[in-house]
Amino acid sequence: MRHRHTMGRAYFETLYKSNPDPWNFSTSEYEDQKYQATLQALPRTRYAKAIEVGCSIGVLTARLATRCESLDAVDLSPTAIEQARIACAALDNVYFHVSAAPNGLPEGAFDLIILSEVLYYLDARDLLALAGWCRAHTNSSADIILCHWLGPTNYPLSGETAARLFVSALQPCLERHSILHQQVYRLERIRLGSKEAQ
């Protein structure tokens, strides 16, 4: 049965308490290839300030950190964040936060936002609020990377529906939008225009 509302901390804490890597992020060949594709989707070699919403246990976080001067990694599960801290202990440019989207995200102006396997856990209202947060917390010409599985779930939104709703909500500040992969998972790159153009 499909969840009607945004899935909260209790759901994810239960998962991580029962299995420290419930989606096999650290061992799955599929996840490894998806992470490689995500990094290849970044149009710039280096970012000054980035945020990864839904960092889980920090597998993608560690890879993203090599492309960022500063990376805020956010997850609503304290158990997941604790694992991510351990995985990224040698990285002094990563800052971890236990908080939920869209409320409670770190302040700042980001030039890269990563939303990987996140949007479909939100209901439409919270997804639109997150899109608004992104518009308000980006530097000029910021990049946003979306990546979502396209298979059936019981989450509030499907991967494709969540992505389409999010992209639509970014109008009229959307400068460019490209779908880079749409088999099994959907990977897309968004460029937001300058603040002057919004």
Protein backbone atom coordinates (compact mmCIF):
# COMPACT_ATOMS: atom_id res chain seq x y z
CA MET A 1 0.00 0.00 0.00
CA ARG A 2 1.41 3.38 -1.03
CA HIS A 3 2.39 5.83 1.70
CA ARG A 4 0.29 8.97 1.47
CA HIS A 5 2.57 11.33 3.36
CA THR A 6 6.28 12.11 3.58
CA MET A 7 8.16 9.23 5.13
CA GLY A 8 9.80 10.30 8.38
CA ARG A 9 12.65 9.47 10.70
CA ALA A 10 10.99 6.45 12.33
CA TYR A 11 10.76 4.61 8.99
CA PHE A 12 14.44 5.07 8.18
CA GLU A 13 15.70 4.48 11.70
CA THR A 14 13.89 1.13 11.73
CA LEU A 15 15.62 0.19 8.45
CA TYR A 16 19.11 1.18 9.59
CA LYS A 17 18.70 -0.40 13.00
CA SER A 18 17.78 -3.73 11.41
CA ASN A 19 20.39 -3.52 8.61
CA PRO A 20 23.29 -1.04 8.59
CA ASP A 21 23.25 -0.99 4.78
CA PRO A 22 19.62 -1.71 3.80
CA TRP A 23 20.10 -0.89 0.09
CA ASN A 24 23.58 -2.45 -0.21
CA PHE A 25 25.13 0.90 -1.14
CA SER A 26 28.63 -0.24 -0.19
CA THR A 27 28.58 -3.60 -2.01
CA SER A 28 26.16 -3.38 -4.96
CA GLU A 29 27.63 -3.22 -8.48
CA TYR A 30 24.46 -1.44 -9.60
CA GLU A 31 24.93 1.26 -6.95
CA ASP A 32 28.62 1.60 -7.83
CA GLN A 33 27.81 2.14 -11.51
CA LYS A 34 25.06 4.61 -10.62
CA TYR A 35 27.45 6.59 -8.42
CA GLN A 36 30.01 6.67 -11.23
CA ALA A 37 27.33 7.99 -13.59
CA THR A 38 26.31 10.61 -11.02
CA LEU A 39 29.86 11.91 -10.73
CA GLN A 40 30.24 11.93 -14.52
CA ALA A 41 27.06 14.02 -14.72
CA LEU A 42 28.70 16.87 -12.81
CA PRO A 43 29.48 19.53 -15.44
CA ARG A 44 32.23 21.17 -13.38
CA THR A 45 35.47 19.77 -12.09
CA ARG A 46 35.16 21.51 -8.74
CA TYR A 47 32.43 23.07 -6.59
CA ALA A 48 32.91 25.58 -3.80
CA LYS A 49 29.91 24.63 -1.65
CA ALA A 50 27.70 21.57 -2.18
CA ILE A 51 24.95 19.77 -0.32
CA GLU A 52 23.88 16.12 -0.54
CA VAL A 53 20.35 15.63 0.79
CA GLY A 54 19.80 12.05 1.92
CA CYS A 55 23.45 11.03 2.28
CA SER A 56 22.61 7.71 3.98
CA ILE A 57 25.79 5.90 5.13
CA GLY A 58 28.13 8.15 3.16
CA VAL A 59 29.17 5.99 0.21
CA LEU A 60 28.38 8.60 -2.44
CA THR A 61 29.37 11.34 0.01
CA ALA A 62 32.99 10.18 0.08
CA ARG A 63 33.16 10.33 -3.71
CA LEU A 64 31.46 13.70 -3.95
CA ALA A 65 33.87 15.16 -1.41
CA THR A 66 36.73 14.85 -3.91
CA ARG A 67 34.91 17.36 -6.15
CA CYS A 68 33.93 19.89 -3.48
CA GLU A 69 35.71 22.45 -1.35
CA SER A 70 32.91 22.09 1.21
CA LEU A 71 30.16 19.46 1.33
CA ASP A 72 27.17 19.42 3.67
CA ALA A 73 25.81 15.87 4.00
CA VAL A 74 22.29 15.56 5.39
CA ASP A 75 20.16 12.63 6.49
CA LEU A 76 17.24 12.36 8.89
CA SER A 77 18.50 9.08 10.37
CA PRO A 78 21.01 9.53 13.22
CA THR A 79 22.07 5.91 12.76
CA ALA A 80 22.89 6.47 9.09
CA ILE A 81 24.73 9.71 9.86
CA GLU A 82 26.88 7.99 12.45
CA GLN A 83 27.96 5.42 9.85
CA ALA A 84 28.59 8.17 7.32
CA ARG A 85 30.82 10.03 9.80
CA ILE A 86 32.91 6.90 10.23
CA ALA A 87 33.11 6.28 6.47
CA CYS A 88 34.25 9.86 5.85
CA ALA A 89 36.39 10.32 8.96
CA ALA A 90 39.48 11.19 6.93
CA LEU A 91 37.69 13.97 5.02
CA ASP A 92 37.88 17.39 6.63
CA ASN A 93 35.66 19.12 4.05
CA VAL A 94 32.46 17.18 4.87
CA TYR A 95 29.97 18.45 7.45
CA PHE A 96 27.19 16.12 8.63
CA HIS A 97 23.70 17.15 9.73
CA VAL A 98 20.83 15.11 11.15
CA SER A 99 17.83 16.88 9.66
CA ALA A 100 14.95 16.35 7.27
CA ALA A 101 14.03 17.92 3.96
CA PRO A 102 12.52 20.37 3.32
CA ASN A 103 12.59 21.74 6.88
CA GLY A 104 15.82 21.95 8.84
CA LEU A 105 18.29 21.92 5.96
CA PRO A 106 21.53 23.89 6.45
CA GLU A 107 21.63 27.55 5.55
CA GLY A 108 23.91 28.81 2.84
CA ALA A 109 24.19 29.42 -0.88
CA PHE A 110 25.14 26.25 -2.73
CA ASP A 111 26.49 25.80 -6.23
CA LEU A 112 25.72 22.06 -6.26
CA ILE A 113 22.73 20.18 -4.82
CA ILE A 114 22.58 16.38 -4.98
CA LEU A 115 19.17 14.73 -4.62
CA SER A 116 19.84 11.04 -5.14
CA GLU A 117 17.05 8.61 -4.24
CA VAL A 118 15.31 11.27 -2.14
CA LEU A 119 12.38 12.97 -3.84
CA TYR A 120 9.95 10.05 -3.96
CA TYR A 121 9.98 9.75 -0.17
CA LEU A 122 8.28 13.15 -0.02
CA ASP A 123 4.64 13.90 -0.63
CA ALA A 124 3.84 16.53 -3.25
CA ARG A 125 3.57 19.38 -0.73
CA ASP A 126 6.98 18.71 0.81
CA LEU A 127 8.56 18.13 -2.59
CA LEU A 128 7.38 21.55 -3.77
CA ALA A 129 8.71 23.08 -0.54
CA LEU A 130 12.09 21.46 -1.20
CA ALA A 131 12.12 22.90 -4.72
CA GLY A 132 11.46 26.31 -3.18
CA TRP A 133 14.33 25.78 -0.74
CA CYS A 134 16.63 24.93 -3.66
CA ARG A 135 15.67 28.11 -5.47
CA ALA A 136 16.34 30.17 -2.36
CA HIS A 137 19.67 28.52 -1.44
CA THR A 138 21.62 28.40 -4.69
CA ASN A 139 24.39 30.54 -6.06
CA SER A 140 24.11 31.96 -9.56
CA SER A 141 24.28 29.20 -12.19
CA ALA A 142 23.97 26.36 -9.68
CA ASP A 143 23.76 22.70 -10.68
CA ILE A 144 21.26 20.18 -9.30
CA ILE A 145 21.62 16.44 -9.89
CA LEU A 146 18.59 14.17 -9.53
CA CYS A 147 18.77 10.38 -9.54
CA HIS A 148 15.82 8.08 -8.82
CA TRP A 149 14.93 4.45 -9.36
CA LEU A 150 12.05 3.97 -11.81
CA GLY A 151 10.66 0.71 -10.47
CA PRO A 152 7.49 0.25 -8.43
CA THR A 153 7.53 1.32 -4.78
CA ASN A 154 5.09 2.08 -1.99
CA TYR A 155 6.58 5.56 -1.55
CA PRO A 156 4.36 8.66 -1.82
CA LEU A 157 5.53 9.34 -5.40
CA SER A 158 7.10 7.32 -8.19
CA GLY A 159 10.60 8.26 -9.31
CA GLU A 160 9.41 9.69 -12.61
CA THR A 161 6.50 11.62 -11.09
CA ALA A 162 8.70 13.08 -8.36
CA ALA A 163 11.35 14.19 -10.83
CA ARG A 164 8.84 15.79 -13.20
CA LEU A 165 7.08 17.63 -10.38
CA PHE A 166 10.38 18.91 -9.01
CA VAL A 167 11.65 20.16 -12.37
CA SER A 168 8.33 21.87 -13.07
CA ALA A 169 8.51 23.63 -9.71
CA LEU A 170 11.87 25.16 -10.58
CA GLN A 171 10.37 27.30 -13.33
CA PRO A 172 11.00 30.09 -14.25
CA CYS A 173 14.61 29.95 -12.97
CA LEU A 174 15.39 26.78 -14.95
CA GLU A 175 18.18 27.48 -17.41
CA ARG A 176 18.90 23.94 -18.68
CA HIS A 177 17.55 20.46 -18.01
CA SER A 178 18.93 17.18 -19.38
CA ILE A 179 17.83 13.61 -18.75
CA LEU A 180 21.06 11.63 -18.99
CA HIS A 181 19.79 8.13 -18.21
CA GLN A 182 16.30 6.66 -18.06
CA GLN A 183 16.59 2.90 -17.81
CA VAL A 184 16.09 1.35 -14.36
CA TYR A 185 16.96 4.72 -12.86
CA ARG A 186 16.50 8.29 -14.06
CA LEU A 187 19.53 10.56 -13.85
CA GLU A 188 19.13 14.22 -14.73
CA ARG A 189 21.09 17.43 -14.60
CA ILE A 190 19.57 20.84 -13.94
CA ARG A 191 21.20 24.24 -14.28
CA LEU A 192 19.51 27.13 -12.52
CA GLY A 193 19.93 30.62 -13.91
CA SER A 194 21.42 33.65 -12.22
CA LYS A 195 19.56 35.35 -9.37
CA GLU A 196 19.15 38.40 -11.58
CA ALA A 197 17.17 36.31 -14.07
CA GLN A 198 14.79 34.88 -11.46
